[in-house]
N, C-alpha and C. Protein backbone atom coordinates (compact mmCIF):
# COMPACT_ATOMS: atom_id res chain seq x y z
N MET A 1 -72.10 48.59 152.58
CA MET A 1 -71.77 48.77 153.67
C MET A 1 -70.77 49.79 154.61
N GLN A 2 -71.94 50.95 155.32
CA GLN A 2 -70.86 51.77 155.46
C GLN A 2 -71.19 52.00 157.04
N TYR A 3 -69.23 52.26 157.72
CA TYR A 3 -68.85 52.49 158.98
C TYR A 3 -68.97 54.17 159.30
N ASN A 4 -68.91 54.56 159.93
CA ASN A 4 -68.41 56.08 161.22
C ASN A 4 -66.87 55.38 160.58
N MET A 5 -66.60 56.19 161.80
CA MET A 5 -64.86 55.78 161.59
C MET A 5 -64.65 55.50 162.79
N LEU A 6 -65.18 55.61 163.85
CA LEU A 6 -65.25 54.42 165.58
C LEU A 6 -65.47 52.97 164.99
N GLU A 7 -66.45 53.11 164.44
CA GLU A 7 -66.74 51.43 164.55
C GLU A 7 -65.55 51.11 163.56
N ALA A 8 -65.69 51.74 162.63
CA ALA A 8 -63.89 50.73 161.20
C ALA A 8 -62.82 50.53 162.12
N LYS A 9 -62.96 51.14 162.88
CA LYS A 9 -61.36 51.12 163.61
C LYS A 9 -61.46 50.17 164.95
N SER A 10 -62.14 49.62 165.33
CA SER A 10 -62.88 48.76 165.96
C SER A 10 -62.71 47.23 165.50
N GLN A 11 -63.09 47.59 163.85
CA GLN A 11 -63.93 46.38 163.09
C GLN A 11 -63.11 45.96 162.02
N LEU A 12 -61.63 46.37 161.84
CA LEU A 12 -60.92 47.15 160.76
C LEU A 12 -60.62 45.73 160.41
N SER A 13 -59.72 44.13 160.59
CA SER A 13 -59.99 43.11 159.88
C SER A 13 -61.15 42.86 159.58
N LYS A 14 -62.06 42.95 159.80
CA LYS A 14 -62.92 42.70 159.45
C LYS A 14 -64.21 43.07 158.26
N LEU A 15 -63.78 44.40 158.06
CA LEU A 15 -64.09 45.50 157.04
C LEU A 15 -62.45 44.92 155.53
N VAL A 16 -61.99 44.79 156.39
CA VAL A 16 -60.65 44.85 155.09
C VAL A 16 -61.32 43.33 154.74
N GLN A 17 -61.52 41.54 155.40
CA GLN A 17 -62.05 40.64 154.65
C GLN A 17 -63.28 40.49 153.65
N ALA A 18 -64.25 41.75 154.20
CA ALA A 18 -65.57 42.43 153.85
C ALA A 18 -64.91 42.70 152.07
N ALA A 19 -63.98 43.66 152.11
CA ALA A 19 -63.29 44.21 150.75
C ALA A 19 -62.49 42.91 149.97
N LEU A 20 -62.14 41.84 150.45
CA LEU A 20 -61.52 41.68 149.53
C LEU A 20 -62.08 40.26 148.56
N ALA A 21 -63.53 40.44 149.51
CA ALA A 21 -64.75 39.51 149.55
C ALA A 21 -65.71 40.34 148.07
N GLY A 22 -65.13 41.19 147.89
CA GLY A 22 -65.71 42.13 146.55
C GLY A 22 -66.60 43.18 147.53
N GLU A 23 -67.08 42.73 148.37
CA GLU A 23 -68.24 44.06 148.68
C GLU A 23 -67.07 46.06 149.28
N ASP A 24 -68.38 46.48 148.56
CA ASP A 24 -68.57 47.37 148.63
C ASP A 24 -68.25 48.30 150.49
N VAL A 25 -66.81 48.88 150.63
CA VAL A 25 -66.95 48.99 152.38
C VAL A 25 -66.62 50.36 152.43
N ILE A 26 -67.37 51.64 152.08
CA ILE A 26 -67.16 52.88 152.89
C ILE A 26 -66.82 53.20 154.53
N ILE A 27 -66.33 53.74 154.63
CA ILE A 27 -65.87 54.55 156.08
C ILE A 27 -66.62 56.09 156.04
N ALA A 28 -67.06 56.56 157.04
CA ALA A 28 -67.71 57.97 156.60
C ALA A 28 -66.93 58.81 158.05
N ASN A 29 -66.97 59.46 157.86
CA ASN A 29 -67.29 61.05 159.66
C ASN A 29 -67.78 61.68 159.81
N LYS A 30 -68.31 61.01 160.74
CA LYS A 30 -69.56 61.45 160.90
C LYS A 30 -70.88 61.47 160.57
N GLY A 31 -70.93 60.67 159.62
CA GLY A 31 -72.66 60.27 158.66
C GLY A 31 -71.28 60.58 157.62
N VAL A 32 -70.69 61.71 157.17
CA VAL A 32 -70.45 62.03 155.71
C VAL A 32 -69.25 60.68 154.92
N PRO A 33 -70.33 60.30 154.06
CA PRO A 33 -68.26 59.24 153.44
C PRO A 33 -67.31 60.47 153.02
N VAL A 34 -65.92 58.95 153.30
CA VAL A 34 -64.98 59.86 153.41
C VAL A 34 -63.33 58.85 152.47
N VAL A 35 -63.76 57.49 152.69
CA VAL A 35 -63.16 56.53 152.31
C VAL A 35 -63.82 55.24 151.64
N ARG A 36 -62.81 54.79 150.56
CA ARG A 36 -64.07 53.74 150.55
C ARG A 36 -62.97 52.16 150.17
N LEU A 37 -62.83 51.57 150.61
CA LEU A 37 -61.76 50.49 151.19
C LEU A 37 -62.07 49.16 150.17
N VAL A 38 -60.75 49.67 148.93
CA VAL A 38 -61.17 48.69 147.91
C VAL A 38 -59.46 47.37 147.45
N LYS A 39 -59.76 46.68 147.60
CA LYS A 39 -58.95 45.27 147.15
C LYS A 39 -57.60 45.76 145.82
N VAL A 40 -56.70 45.80 146.00
CA VAL A 40 -55.33 46.62 145.25
C VAL A 40 -55.66 44.39 144.84
N GLY A 41 -54.81 45.68 143.21
CA GLY A 41 -55.29 44.15 142.15
C GLY A 41 -53.39 43.75 141.74
N ALA A 42 -53.34 42.56 141.32
CA ALA A 42 -52.15 41.95 141.18
C ALA A 42 -51.84 42.90 140.18
N GLN A 43 -50.10 41.91 140.57
CA GLN A 43 -49.20 43.20 139.24
C GLN A 43 -49.85 41.93 137.71
N GLN A 44 -49.16 43.19 137.31
CA GLN A 44 -49.64 42.46 135.13
C GLN A 44 -48.65 41.23 134.59
N ARG A 45 -47.44 41.84 135.66
CA ARG A 45 -45.92 40.86 135.52
C ARG A 45 -45.51 40.45 136.67
N ALA A 46 -44.70 39.25 137.07
CA ALA A 46 -44.33 39.07 138.23
C ALA A 46 -42.74 39.79 137.77
N ARG A 47 -41.59 40.39 138.60
CA ARG A 47 -40.47 40.48 138.29
C ARG A 47 -39.48 39.57 138.99
N ARG A 48 -39.04 39.18 137.96
CA ARG A 48 -37.83 38.35 138.05
C ARG A 48 -36.65 39.16 138.33
N PRO A 49 -35.47 39.38 139.54
CA PRO A 49 -34.58 39.02 140.05
C PRO A 49 -33.16 39.02 138.21
N GLY A 50 -31.72 40.14 138.49
CA GLY A 50 -31.39 40.13 137.51
C GLY A 50 -32.21 40.29 135.80
N ALA A 51 -33.58 40.37 135.70
CA ALA A 51 -33.77 40.57 134.42
C ALA A 51 -32.47 41.36 134.05
N TRP A 52 -32.73 42.57 134.18
CA TRP A 52 -31.37 43.20 133.39
C TRP A 52 -29.61 43.41 133.39
N ALA A 53 -29.81 41.67 134.08
CA ALA A 53 -28.51 41.44 134.24
C ALA A 53 -27.22 41.36 132.32
N GLY A 54 -28.53 41.00 131.87
CA GLY A 54 -27.64 40.73 130.21
C GLY A 54 -27.60 42.48 129.30
N LEU A 55 -27.91 43.40 130.28
CA LEU A 55 -27.56 44.54 129.70
C LEU A 55 -26.33 45.18 128.70
N PRO A 56 -26.14 46.02 128.43
CA PRO A 56 -24.55 46.38 128.15
C PRO A 56 -24.33 46.93 129.48
N ARG A 57 -23.16 47.30 129.72
CA ARG A 57 -23.43 48.15 130.53
C ARG A 57 -22.19 49.73 129.84
N ALA A 58 -22.27 50.41 130.81
CA ALA A 58 -22.58 51.90 130.28
C ALA A 58 -20.94 52.48 130.29
N GLU A 59 -20.64 52.66 129.55
CA GLU A 59 -18.74 53.17 129.96
C GLU A 59 -18.87 54.45 130.22
N ALA A 60 -17.54 54.06 131.01
CA ALA A 60 -16.73 55.12 131.80
C ALA A 60 -16.79 56.90 131.92
N ASP A 61 -17.06 57.73 130.49
CA ASP A 61 -17.69 58.68 130.23
C ASP A 61 -19.06 59.13 130.12
N TRP A 62 -20.08 57.91 130.45
CA TRP A 62 -21.15 58.22 130.37
C TRP A 62 -21.86 59.98 130.23
N ASP A 63 -21.43 60.30 131.79
CA ASP A 63 -22.09 61.67 132.61
C ASP A 63 -20.16 62.81 132.86
N THR A 64 -19.67 62.52 132.06
CA THR A 64 -18.78 63.57 131.82
C THR A 64 -19.19 64.86 131.09
N PRO A 65 -18.49 65.97 131.87
CA PRO A 65 -19.25 67.19 131.09
C PRO A 65 -18.79 67.44 129.60
N GLU A 66 -18.37 66.65 128.73
CA GLU A 66 -17.85 66.85 127.62
C GLU A 66 -19.24 66.23 126.66
N THR A 67 -19.77 64.57 127.22
CA THR A 67 -21.04 63.91 126.69
C THR A 67 -21.64 64.63 126.82
N ASN A 68 -21.91 65.53 128.24
CA ASN A 68 -22.99 66.11 128.43
C ASN A 68 -23.27 67.05 127.63
N ALA A 69 -21.98 68.32 127.18
CA ALA A 69 -22.49 68.62 126.24
C ALA A 69 -23.07 68.24 124.83
N ALA A 70 -22.09 67.64 124.27
CA ALA A 70 -22.45 66.95 122.82
C ALA A 70 -24.27 66.61 123.49
N ILE A 71 -24.80 65.98 124.19
CA ILE A 71 -25.73 66.06 124.18
C ILE A 71 -26.72 66.77 123.91
N ALA A 72 -26.64 67.92 124.54
CA ALA A 72 -26.58 69.17 124.23
C ALA A 72 -27.05 69.59 123.61
N ASP A 73 -26.03 69.18 122.66
CA ASP A 73 -26.02 70.43 121.13
C ASP A 73 -27.16 69.28 120.59
N ALA A 74 -26.67 68.21 120.82
CA ALA A 74 -27.25 67.77 119.21
C ALA A 74 -28.91 68.06 119.69
N LEU A 75 -29.77 67.58 120.69
CA LEU A 75 -31.10 68.38 121.13
C LEU A 75 -31.42 69.60 120.56
N THR A 76 -30.42 70.02 121.18
CA THR A 76 -31.15 71.49 120.57
C THR A 76 -30.58 71.97 119.03
N SER A 77 -29.84 71.13 118.42
CA SER A 77 -29.52 71.64 117.16
C SER A 77 -30.75 70.66 116.32
N ASP A 78 -31.64 70.07 116.48
CA ASP A 78 -32.75 68.94 116.13
C ASP A 78 -33.93 69.88 115.92
N GLN A 79 -33.91 70.47 117.27
CA GLN A 79 -35.38 71.63 117.36
C GLN A 79 -35.28 72.21 116.05
N SER A 80 -37.09 72.30 115.57
CA SER A 80 -37.26 72.91 114.57
C SER A 80 -38.07 74.65 115.22
N PRO A 81 -37.57 75.83 114.43
CA PRO A 81 -38.08 76.57 115.35
C PRO A 81 -39.37 77.18 114.39
């Protein structure tokens, strides 16, 4: 079903329900289709609070200039020409 912008504005809840039911809902501007309403899919996996709690803590010197220089040296020396 296709609706013009003004119609869609006044019937938005009806159009959302239609999209949730699987209908193809298109909103047009001056008769030209511009937007399609679609149902957003469910997340792949449910998030669990605290899932990263058991990971090891970063060391205190993880972001010192010396550590960054050592990482940069290791990355540049491993590259082959």
